[in-house]
C-alpha atoms as a PDB file:
ATOM      1  CA  MET A   1       0.000   0.000   0.000  1.00  0.00           C
ATOM      2  CA  ASN A   2       2.915   2.361  -0.670  1.00  0.00           C
ATOM      3  CA  GLY A   3       1.761   5.869  -1.398  1.00  0.00           C
ATOM      4  CA  VAL A   4      -1.657   5.300   0.150  1.00  0.00           C
ATOM      5  CA  LYS A   5      -2.935   8.232   2.185  1.00  0.00           C
ATOM      6  CA  LEU A   6      -5.617   8.382   4.844  1.00  0.00           C
ATOM      7  CA  TYR A   7      -7.966  11.358   4.704  1.00  0.00           C
ATOM      8  CA  VAL A   8     -10.184  13.204   7.105  1.00  0.00           C
ATOM      9  CA  PHE A   9     -12.832  15.814   6.330  1.00  0.00           C
ATOM     10  CA  VAL A  10     -12.173  19.273   7.772  1.00  0.00           C
ATOM     11  CA  SER A  11     -15.610  20.593   6.929  1.00  0.00           C
ATOM     12  CA  GLY A  12     -19.168  19.443   7.374  1.00  0.00           C
ATOM     13  CA  PHE A  13     -19.497  19.562   3.584  1.00  0.00           C
ATOM     14  CA  PHE A  14     -18.299  16.507   1.716  1.00  0.00           C
ATOM     15  CA  TRP A  15     -16.108  18.281  -0.780  1.00  0.00           C
ATOM     16  CA  VAL A  16     -13.035  16.428  -1.946  1.00  0.00           C
ATOM     17  CA  SER A  17     -11.185  19.747  -2.156  1.00  0.00           C
ATOM     18  CA  LEU A  18     -11.525  20.102   1.617  1.00  0.00           C
ATOM     19  CA  MET A  19     -10.017  16.733   2.408  1.00  0.00           C
ATOM     20  CA  VAL A  20      -6.493  16.747   3.836  1.00  0.00           C
ATOM     21  CA  PRO A  21      -4.119  13.788   4.265  1.00  0.00           C
ATOM     22  CA  ILE A  22      -3.645  12.499   7.793  1.00  0.00           C
ATOM     23  CA  ALA A  23      -0.193  11.190   6.989  1.00  0.00           C
ATOM     24  CA  GLU A  24       1.630   9.193   4.395  1.00  0.00           C
ATOM     25  CA  GLU A  25       2.014   5.561   5.335  1.00  0.00           C
ATOM     26  CA  ASN A  26       5.791   5.711   5.061  1.00  0.00           C
ATOM     27  CA  VAL A  27       7.646   8.724   6.438  1.00  0.00           C
ATOM     28  CA  ASP A  28      10.970   9.830   5.011  1.00  0.00           C
ATOM     29  CA  CYS A  29      13.000   9.905   8.199  1.00  0.00           C
ATOM     30  CA  ASN A  30      15.660  11.974   6.468  1.00  0.00           C
ATOM     31  CA  ASN A  31      13.163  14.764   5.852  1.00  0.00           C
ATOM     32  CA  ILE A  32      10.898  14.970   8.884  1.00  0.00           C
ATOM     33  CA  LEU A  33      11.046  18.770   8.927  1.00  0.00           C
ATOM     34  CA  GLU A  34       8.559  18.942   6.045  1.00  0.00           C
ATOM     35  CA  GLN A  35       6.086  16.676   7.861  1.00  0.00           C
ATOM     36  CA  TYR A  36       6.501  18.690  11.063  1.00  0.00           C
ATOM     37  CA  GLN A  37       5.895  21.990   9.279  1.00  0.00           C
ATOM     38  CA  ARG A  38       2.765  20.634   7.596  1.00  0.00           C
ATOM     39  CA  ALA A  39       1.467  19.426  10.939  1.00  0.00           C
ATOM     40  CA  GLU A  40       2.154  22.815  12.473  1.00  0.00           C
ATOM     41  CA  ARG A  41       0.131  24.511   9.730  1.00  0.00           C
ATOM     42  CA  TYR A  42      -2.830  22.219  10.393  1.00  0.00           C
ATOM     43  CA  MET A  43      -2.518  22.789  14.145  1.00  0.00           C
ATOM     44  CA  ALA A  44      -2.332  26.560  13.705  1.00  0.00           C
ATOM     45  CA  ALA A  45      -5.503  26.637  11.571  1.00  0.00           C
ATOM     46  CA  LYS A  46      -7.698  26.032  14.654  1.00  0.00           C
ATOM     47  CA  ASN A  47     -10.802  26.068  12.465  1.00  0.00           C
ATOM     48  CA  HIS A  48     -11.917  22.508  13.054  1.00  0.00           C
ATOM     49  CA  TYR A  49     -11.073  19.629  15.384  1.00  0.00           C
ATOM     50  CA  SER A  50     -10.252  17.521  12.326  1.00  0.00           C
ATOM     51  CA  THR A  51      -7.289  19.711  11.380  1.00  0.00           C
ATOM     52  CA  GLU A  52      -5.853  19.267  14.883  1.00  0.00           C
ATOM     53  CA  TYR A  53      -6.503  15.533  14.667  1.00  0.00           C
ATOM     54  CA  THR A  54      -4.715  15.472  11.323  1.00  0.00           C
ATOM     55  CA  ALA A  55      -1.708  17.279  12.765  1.00  0.00           C
ATOM     56  CA  VAL A  56      -1.397  14.943  15.744  1.00  0.00           C
ATOM     57  CA  ALA A  57      -1.783  11.862  13.535  1.00  0.00           C
ATOM     58  CA  MET A  58       0.999  13.114  11.280  1.00  0.00           C
ATOM     59  CA  LEU A  59       3.317  13.810  14.209  1.00  0.00           C
ATOM     60  CA  GLN A  60       2.530  10.466  15.823  1.00  0.00           C
ATOM     61  CA  ARG A  61       3.496   8.671  12.628  1.00  0.00           C
ATOM     62  CA  VAL A  62       6.767  10.591  12.447  1.00  0.00           C
ATOM     63  CA  TYR A  63       7.437   9.706  16.085  1.00  0.00           C
ATOM     64  CA  GLU A  64       6.697   6.011  15.648  1.00  0.00           C
ATOM     65  CA  GLN A  65       8.689   5.567  12.453  1.00  0.00           C
ATOM     66  CA  CYS A  66      11.597   7.940  12.916  1.00  0.00           C
ATOM     67  CA  LYS A  67      12.261   8.356  16.634  1.00  0.00           C
ATOM     68  CA  ASN A  68      15.447   6.293  16.464  1.00  0.00           C
ATOM     69  CA  ASP A  69      16.302   6.747  12.800  1.00  0.00           C
ATOM     70  CA  SER A  70      16.082  10.442  11.942  1.00  0.00           C
ATOM     71  CA  PRO A  71      19.329  12.412  11.857  1.00  0.00           C
ATOM     72  CA  ASP A  72      17.314  15.609  12.425  1.00  0.00           C
ATOM     73  CA  ARG A  73      17.318  15.637  16.221  1.00  0.00           C
ATOM     74  CA  ALA A  74      16.169  19.256  16.467  1.00  0.00           C
ATOM     75  CA  THR A  75      12.957  18.557  14.572  1.00  0.00           C
ATOM     76  CA  MET A  76      12.368  15.259  16.376  1.00  0.00           C
ATOM     77  CA  ALA A  77      12.615  17.116  19.687  1.00  0.00           C
ATOM     78  CA  GLN A  78       9.903  19.479  18.415  1.00  0.00           C
ATOM     79  CA  VAL A  79       7.768  16.501  17.360  1.00  0.00           C
ATOM     80  CA  VAL A  80       7.970  14.861  20.792  1.00  0.00           C
ATOM     81  CA  TYR A  81       7.352  18.161  22.587  1.00  0.00           C
ATOM     82  CA  THR A  82       4.343  19.027  20.409  1.00  0.00           C
ATOM     83  CA  LEU A  83       2.843  15.574  20.976  1.00  0.00           C
ATOM     84  CA  GLY A  84       3.280  16.182  24.707  1.00  0.00           C
ATOM     85  CA  LYS A  85       1.515  19.539  24.511  1.00  0.00           C
ATOM     86  CA  SER A  86      -1.312  17.983  22.492  1.00  0.00           C
ATOM     87  CA  ARG A  87      -1.819  15.325  25.155  1.00  0.00           C
ATOM     88  CA  TRP A  88      -1.566  17.961  27.893  1.00  0.00           C
ATOM     89  CA  GLY A  89      -4.318  20.148  26.472  1.00  0.00           C
ATOM     90  CA  GLY A  90      -6.373  17.586  24.548  1.00  0.00           C
ATOM     91  CA  GLN A  91      -5.622  19.281  21.250  1.00  0.00           C
ATOM     92  CA  GLY A  92      -6.454  16.878  18.414  1.00  0.00           C
ATOM     93  CA  VAL A  93      -6.325  13.919  20.786  1.00  0.00           C
ATOM     94  CA  SER A  94      -7.846  12.875  24.101  1.00  0.00           C
ATOM     95  CA  ARG A  95      -6.288  14.681  27.046  1.00  0.00           C
ATOM     96  CA  ASP A  96      -3.974  12.459  29.062  1.00  0.00           C
ATOM     97  CA  ARG A  97      -1.480  14.315  31.190  1.00  0.00           C
ATOM     98  CA  ALA A  98       0.284  11.164  32.356  1.00  0.00           C
ATOM     99  CA  ILE A  99       1.181  10.415  28.720  1.00  0.00           C
ATOM    100  CA  ALA A 100       2.058  14.086  28.205  1.00  0.00           C
ATOM    101  CA  CYS A 101       4.455  13.947  31.148  1.00  0.00           C
ATOM    102  CA  LYS A 102       6.104  10.823  29.743  1.00  0.00           C
ATOM    103  CA  LEU A 103       6.708  12.645  26.460  1.00  0.00           C
ATOM    104  CA  PHE A 104       8.017  15.783  28.164  1.00  0.00           C
ATOM    105  CA  LYS A 105      10.476  13.698  30.209  1.00  0.00           C
ATOM    106  CA  GLU A 106      11.577  12.021  26.990  1.00  0.00           C
ATOM    107  CA  VAL A 107      12.448  15.439  25.568  1.00  0.00           C
ATOM    108  CA  LEU A 108      14.648  16.242  28.573  1.00  0.00           C
ATOM    109  CA  GLU A 109      16.274  12.817  28.592  1.00  0.00           C
ATOM    110  CA  ASP A 110      17.000  12.550  24.870  1.00  0.00           C
ATOM    111  CA  TYR A 111      17.182  16.125  23.560  1.00  0.00           C
ATOM    112  CA  SER A 112      18.509  18.293  26.365  1.00  0.00           C
ATOM    113  CA  ASP A 113      21.049  19.789  23.955  1.00  0.00           C
ATOM    114  CA  VAL A 114      18.290  20.984  21.594  1.00  0.00           C
ATOM    115  CA  ASN A 115      16.486  24.221  22.359  1.00  0.00           C
ATOM    116  CA  GLU A 116      14.585  25.227  19.248  1.00  0.00           C
ATOM    117  CA  ASN A 117      11.775  27.658  20.133  1.00  0.00           C
ATOM    118  CA  ASP A 118      12.643  27.459  23.853  1.00  0.00           C
ATOM    119  CA  ILE A 119      11.335  23.899  24.117  1.00  0.00           C
ATOM    120  CA  ILE A 120      13.767  22.939  26.910  1.00  0.00           C
ATOM    121  CA  PRO A 121      12.642  25.592  29.448  1.00  0.00           C
ATOM    122  CA  TRP A 122       9.009  25.003  28.502  1.00  0.00           C
ATOM    123  CA  THR A 123       9.518  21.259  28.920  1.00  0.00           C
ATOM    124  CA  GLN A 124      11.150  21.835  32.302  1.00  0.00           C
ATOM    125  CA  TYR A 125       8.111  23.882  33.270  1.00  0.00           C
ATOM    126  CA  PHE A 126       5.700  21.114  32.277  1.00  0.00           C
ATOM    127  CA  VAL A 127       7.774  18.420  34.003  1.00  0.00           C
ATOM    128  CA  GLY A 128       7.676  20.598  37.108  1.00  0.00           C
ATOM    129  CA  ASP A 129       3.899  20.721  36.814  1.00  0.00           C
ATOM    130  CA  CYS A 130       3.820  16.928  36.444  1.00  0.00           C
ATOM    131  CA  ALA A 131       5.515  16.586  39.830  1.00  0.00           C
ATOM    132  CA  ARG A 132       3.465  19.411  41.355  1.00  0.00           C
ATOM    133  CA  ASN A 133       0.122  17.934  40.315  1.00  0.00           C
ATOM    134  CA  ALA A 134       0.946  14.199  40.497  1.00  0.00           C
ATOM    135  CA  PHE A 135       0.423  13.570  36.790  1.00  0.00           C
ATOM    136  CA  GLY A 136       1.852  10.126  36.032  1.00  0.00           C
ATOM    137  CA  GLU A 137       3.888  10.092  39.247  1.00  0.00           C
ATOM    138  CA  GLU A 138       3.598  10.742  42.957  1.00  0.00           C
ATOM    139  CA  ARG A 139       3.295  14.385  43.985  1.00  0.00           C
ATOM    140  CA  ASN A 140       6.718  15.828  44.726  1.00  0.00           C
ATOM    141  CA  TRP A 141       6.814  19.535  45.548  1.00  0.00           C
ATOM    142  CA  THR A 142      10.596  19.626  45.962  1.00  0.00           C
ATOM    143  CA  LYS A 143      11.132  18.101  42.529  1.00  0.00           C
ATOM    144  CA  ALA A 144       8.655  20.541  41.001  1.00  0.00           C
ATOM    145  CA  VAL A 145      10.409  23.572  42.501  1.00  0.00           C
ATOM    146  CA  SER A 146      13.781  22.294  41.282  1.00  0.00           C
ATOM    147  CA  TYR A 147      12.553  22.254  37.681  1.00  0.00           C
ATOM    148  CA  TYR A 148      11.046  25.745  37.911  1.00  0.00           C
ATOM    149  CA  GLN A 149      14.236  27.020  39.523  1.00  0.00           C
ATOM    150  CA  LYS A 150      16.316  25.683  36.614  1.00  0.00           C
ATOM    151  CA  ILE A 151      14.428  28.072  34.342  1.00  0.00           C
ATOM    152  CA  ILE A 152      14.834  31.048  36.670  1.00  0.00           C
ATOM    153  CA  ASP A 153      18.554  30.414  37.171  1.00  0.00           C
ATOM    154  CA  ASN A 154      19.348  29.965  33.478  1.00  0.00           C
ATOM    155  CA  PRO A 155      20.445  33.309  31.958  1.00  0.00           C
ATOM    156  CA  GLN A 156      19.996  31.857  28.464  1.00  0.00           C
ATOM    157  CA  VAL A 157      16.234  31.642  28.957  1.00  0.00           C
ATOM    158  CA  ILE A 158      15.086  34.815  27.237  1.00  0.00           C
ATOM    159  CA  ASN A 159      11.426  33.929  26.701  1.00  0.00           C
ATOM    160  CA  PRO A 160       9.642  36.213  29.204  1.00  0.00           C
ATOM    161  CA  ASN A 161       6.536  34.020  29.402  1.00  0.00           C
ATOM    162  CA  VAL A 162       8.165  30.781  30.502  1.00  0.00           C
ATOM    163  CA  ARG A 163      10.384  32.697  32.926  1.00  0.00           C
ATOM    164  CA  ALA A 164       7.338  34.457  34.417  1.00  0.00           C
ATOM    165  CA  TRP A 165       5.394  31.220  34.859  1.00  0.00           C
ATOM    166  CA  ALA A 166       8.399  29.590  36.543  1.00  0.00           C
ATOM    167  CA  GLN A 167       8.782  32.604  38.833  1.00  0.00           C
ATOM    168  CA  ALA A 168       5.093  32.411  39.722  1.00  0.00           C
ATOM    169  CA  ARG A 169       5.315  28.709  40.558  1.00  0.00           C
ATOM    170  CA  VAL A 170       8.314  29.234  42.850  1.00  0.00           C
ATOM    171  CA  ALA A 171       6.683  32.317  44.376  1.00  0.00           C
ATOM    172  CA  ASP A 172       3.625  30.186  45.169  1.00  0.00           C
ATOM    173  CA  ALA A 173       5.868  27.540  46.709  1.00  0.00           C
ATOM    174  CA  TYR A 174       7.513  30.147  48.974  1.00  0.00           C
ATOM    175  CA  ARG A 175       4.094  31.567  49.842  1.00  0.00           C
ATOM    176  CA  GLU A 176       2.711  28.180  50.894  1.00  0.00           C
ATOM    177  CA  GLY A 177       5.924  26.472  51.993  1.00  0.00           C
ATOM    178  CA  ASP A 178       5.480  23.685  49.441  1.00  0.00           C
ATOM    179  CA  GLY A 179       8.724  21.885  48.686  1.00  0.00           C
ATOM    180  CA  ILE A 180      10.684  24.798  50.092  1.00  0.00           C
ATOM    181  CA  GLU A 181      10.814  26.752  53.352  1.00  0.00           C
ATOM    182  CA  GLN A 182       7.963  29.253  53.616  1.00  0.00           C
ATOM    183  CA  ASN A 183       9.220  32.783  52.947  1.00  0.00           C
ATOM    184  CA  ASP A 184       6.886  35.703  52.255  1.00  0.00           C
ATOM    185  CA  ALA A 185       9.735  38.050  51.335  1.00  0.00           C
ATOM    186  CA  LYS A 186      11.037  35.764  48.567  1.00  0.00           C
ATOM    187  CA  SER A 187       7.506  35.161  47.348  1.00  0.00           C
ATOM    188  CA  VAL A 188       6.829  38.892  47.021  1.00  0.00           C
ATOM    189  CA  GLN A 189      10.219  39.406  45.382  1.00  0.00           C
ATOM    190  CA  LEU A 190       9.447  36.890  42.651  1.00  0.00           C
ATOM    191  CA  PHE A 191       5.926  38.174  42.047  1.00  0.00           C
ATOM    192  CA  THR A 192       7.339  41.712  41.835  1.00  0.00           C
ATOM    193  CA  ALA A 193       9.887  40.567  39.238  1.00  0.00           C
ATOM    194  CA  ILE A 194       6.961  39.425  37.075  1.00  0.00           C
ATOM    195  CA  LEU A 195       5.265  42.822  37.319  1.00  0.00           C
ATOM    196  CA  ASP A 196       8.552  44.589  36.576  1.00  0.00           C
ATOM    197  CA  ASN A 197       8.662  42.722  33.256  1.00  0.00           C
ATOM    198  CA  ASP A 198       4.937  43.125  32.504  1.00  0.00           C
ATOM    199  CA  GLN A 199       5.464  44.951  29.198  1.00  0.00           C
ATOM    200  CA  ASN A 200       7.381  41.983  27.743  1.00  0.00           C
ATOM    201  CA  ILE A 201       5.009  39.273  28.959  1.00  0.00           C
ATOM    202  CA  THR A 202       2.196  38.273  26.613  1.00  0.00           C
ATOM    203  CA  ALA A 203       0.847  35.611  29.006  1.00  0.00           C
ATOM    204  CA  LYS A 204      -1.251  38.111  30.967  1.00  0.00           C
ATOM    205  CA  PRO A 205      -2.872  35.608  33.374  1.00  0.00           C
ATOM    206  CA  VAL A 206       0.479  35.181  35.135  1.00  0.00           C
ATOM    207  CA  VAL A 207       0.670  38.973  35.513  1.00  0.00           C
ATOM    208  CA  ALA A 208      -2.851  39.107  36.935  1.00  0.00           C
ATOM    209  CA  TRP A 209      -2.058  36.479  39.576  1.00  0.00           C
ATOM    210  CA  ALA A 210       1.255  38.103  40.474  1.00  0.00           C
ATOM    211  CA  LYS A 211      -0.639  41.340  41.057  1.00  0.00           C
ATOM    212  CA  TYR A 212      -3.267  39.459  43.084  1.00  0.00           C
ATOM    213  CA  TRP A 213      -0.741  37.999  45.509  1.00  0.00           C
ATOM    214  CA  ILE A 214       1.177  41.246  45.892  1.00  0.00           C
ATOM    215  CA  ALA A 215      -2.139  42.939  46.698  1.00  0.00           C
ATOM    216  CA  ASP A 216      -2.742  40.207  49.269  1.00  0.00           C
ATOM    217  CA  ALA A 217       0.665  40.959  50.783  1.00  0.00           C
ATOM    218  CA  TYR A 218      -0.179  44.661  51.080  1.00  0.00           C
ATOM    219  CA  GLU A 219      -3.576  43.929  52.595  1.00  0.00           C
ATOM    220  CA  HIS A 220      -2.061  41.797  55.344  1.00  0.00           C
ATOM    221  CA  GLY A 221       1.409  43.344  55.637  1.00  0.00           C
ATOM    222  CA  LYS A 222       3.282  40.223  54.513  1.00  0.00           C
ATOM    223  CA  ALA A 223       6.932  41.178  53.880  1.00  0.00           C
ATOM    224  CA  VAL A 224       5.753  44.691  52.922  1.00  0.00           C
ATOM    225  CA  ALA A 225       4.342  47.592  54.887  1.00  0.00           C
ATOM    226  CA  LEU A 226       0.614  47.215  55.514  1.00  0.00           C
ATOM    227  CA  ASP A 227      -1.195  49.313  52.916  1.00  0.00           C
ATOM    228  CA  ARG A 228      -4.859  48.463  52.431  1.00  0.00           C
ATOM    229  CA  GLU A 229      -5.445  51.251  49.931  1.00  0.00           C
ATOM    230  CA  LYS A 230      -2.650  49.987  47.719  1.00  0.00           C
ATOM    231  CA  ALA A 231      -4.113  46.504  47.985  1.00  0.00           C
ATOM    232  CA  ARG A 232      -7.534  47.848  47.066  1.00  0.00           C
ATOM    233  CA  THR A 233      -6.093  49.657  44.040  1.00  0.00           C
ATOM    234  CA  MET A 234      -4.336  46.514  42.809  1.00  0.00           C
ATOM    235  CA  PHE A 235      -7.405  44.303  43.242  1.00  0.00           C
ATOM    236  CA  ALA A 236      -9.468  46.905  41.380  1.00  0.00           C
ATOM    237  CA  ASP A 237      -6.925  46.997  38.561  1.00  0.00           C
ATOM    238  CA  ILE A 238      -7.250  43.222  38.120  1.00  0.00           C
ATOM    239  CA  VAL A 239     -11.038  43.514  37.981  1.00  0.00           C
ATOM    240  CA  ASN A 240     -10.895  46.321  35.423  1.00  0.00           C
ATOM    241  CA  SER A 241      -8.063  45.052  33.225  1.00  0.00           C
ATOM    242  CA  TYR A 242      -7.947  41.266  33.036  1.00  0.00           C
ATOM    243  CA  LEU A 243     -11.472  39.961  32.446  1.00  0.00           C
ATOM    244  CA  SER A 244     -10.715  38.554  28.997  1.00  0.00           C
ATOM    245  CA  GLU A 245      -7.295  37.210  30.018  1.00  0.00           C
ATOM    246  CA  ASP A 246      -8.260  35.473  33.269  1.00  0.00           C
ATOM    247  CA  PRO A 247     -11.872  35.683  34.509  1.00  0.00           C
ATOM    248  CA  ILE A 248     -11.052  33.519  37.535  1.00  0.00           C
ATOM    249  CA  ALA A 249      -8.429  35.993  38.747  1.00  0.00           C
ATOM    250  CA  VAL A 250     -10.977  38.759  38.221  1.00  0.00           C
ATOM    251  CA  GLU A 251     -13.598  36.854  40.235  1.00  0.00           C
ATOM    252  CA  TYR A 252     -11.188  36.311  43.126  1.00  0.00           C
ATOM    253  CA  ALA A 253     -10.056  39.948  43.067  1.00  0.00           C
ATOM    254  CA  GLN A 254     -13.682  41.131  43.123  1.00  0.00           C
ATOM    255  CA  GLN A 255     -14.375  38.898  46.121  1.00  0.00           C
ATOM    256  CA  ARG A 256     -11.422  40.435  47.934  1.00  0.00           C
ATOM    257  CA  LEU A 257     -12.630  43.942  47.111  1.00  0.00           C
ATOM    258  CA  ASP A 258     -16.121  43.106  48.349  1.00  0.00           C
ATOM    259  CA  ALA A 259     -14.713  41.671  51.582  1.00  0.00           C
ATOM    260  CA  MET A 260     -12.541  44.752  52.138  1.00  0.00           C
ATOM    261  CA  ASN A 261     -15.486  47.082  51.525  1.00  0.00           C
ATOM    262  CA  LEU A 262     -17.684  45.065  53.875  1.00  0.00           C
ATOM    263  CA  LYS A 263     -15.046  45.129  56.597  1.00  0.00           C
ATOM    264  CA  ASP A 264     -14.417  48.855  56.158  1.00  0.00           C
ATOM    265  CA  GLY A 265     -18.154  49.529  56.236  1.00  0.00           C
ATOM    266  CA  ALA A 266     -18.557  47.551  59.454  1.00  0.00           C
ATOM    267  CA  SER A 267     -15.613  49.402  60.998  1.00  0.00           C
ATOM    268  CA  ALA A 268     -17.120  52.754  60.053  1.00  0.00           C
ATOM    269  CA  GLN A 269     -20.462  51.855  61.636  1.00  0.00           C
ATOM    270  CA  SER A 270     -18.858  50.667  64.868  1.00  0.00           C
ATOM    271  CA  SER A 271     -16.909  53.913  65.196  1.00  0.00           C
ATOM    272  CA  ASN A 272     -20.049  56.069  64.892  1.00  0.00           C
END
């Protein structure tokens, strides 16, 4: 059956012109970059689940046939990483974070010298989350923090988004004392570093949560001078600025504002 292609419809209309190949039966392991780029185009289309399914099927075939035979290690690292992300988010395939974690660990074990498109720090971040959330392994806070810290400590990591998410994870660990000694000052320091780099960060949910926890610190005087008005201003800014980016952060910030207003109102009544 050489040359046979499998097809999937990417539209509800049965037009042959809208059919795209899932993958060729035999992959040229000496030229996997072309297959990877085609899969990326299908994944980026985001106009139908079938295009995502097509992309994942293509990458899976490359992985199965060429994992040990392709001389193009940089592209194979991208293939394994993208399959991991697809499993993580359920993009074009059923979500299974245990399988995703296995793939991410494979990237670190077999391709640690490859860092196309910042896949190594992003993979370290996901492997940290695997340990943090007990996906495919026992929960291990210390292990999780160690992976996030690798990203923070690496001066070659220039992607502001992955650095910010790693900083937020370690800041949370210091705030709660998970896998590391509880330390409000270090937590605030890391969250502040995220806000200081706000203009370069496109992942705005991490900025919203950094602002939330710094506001919490000001409200309760944790490692900063107590300043309820500053806390109120920061909570209000989250409510007014981040609804489309992170509605959950907005909901939590609004609850904190409501609680502060209720407390201040009760205090005012008792003083009269």
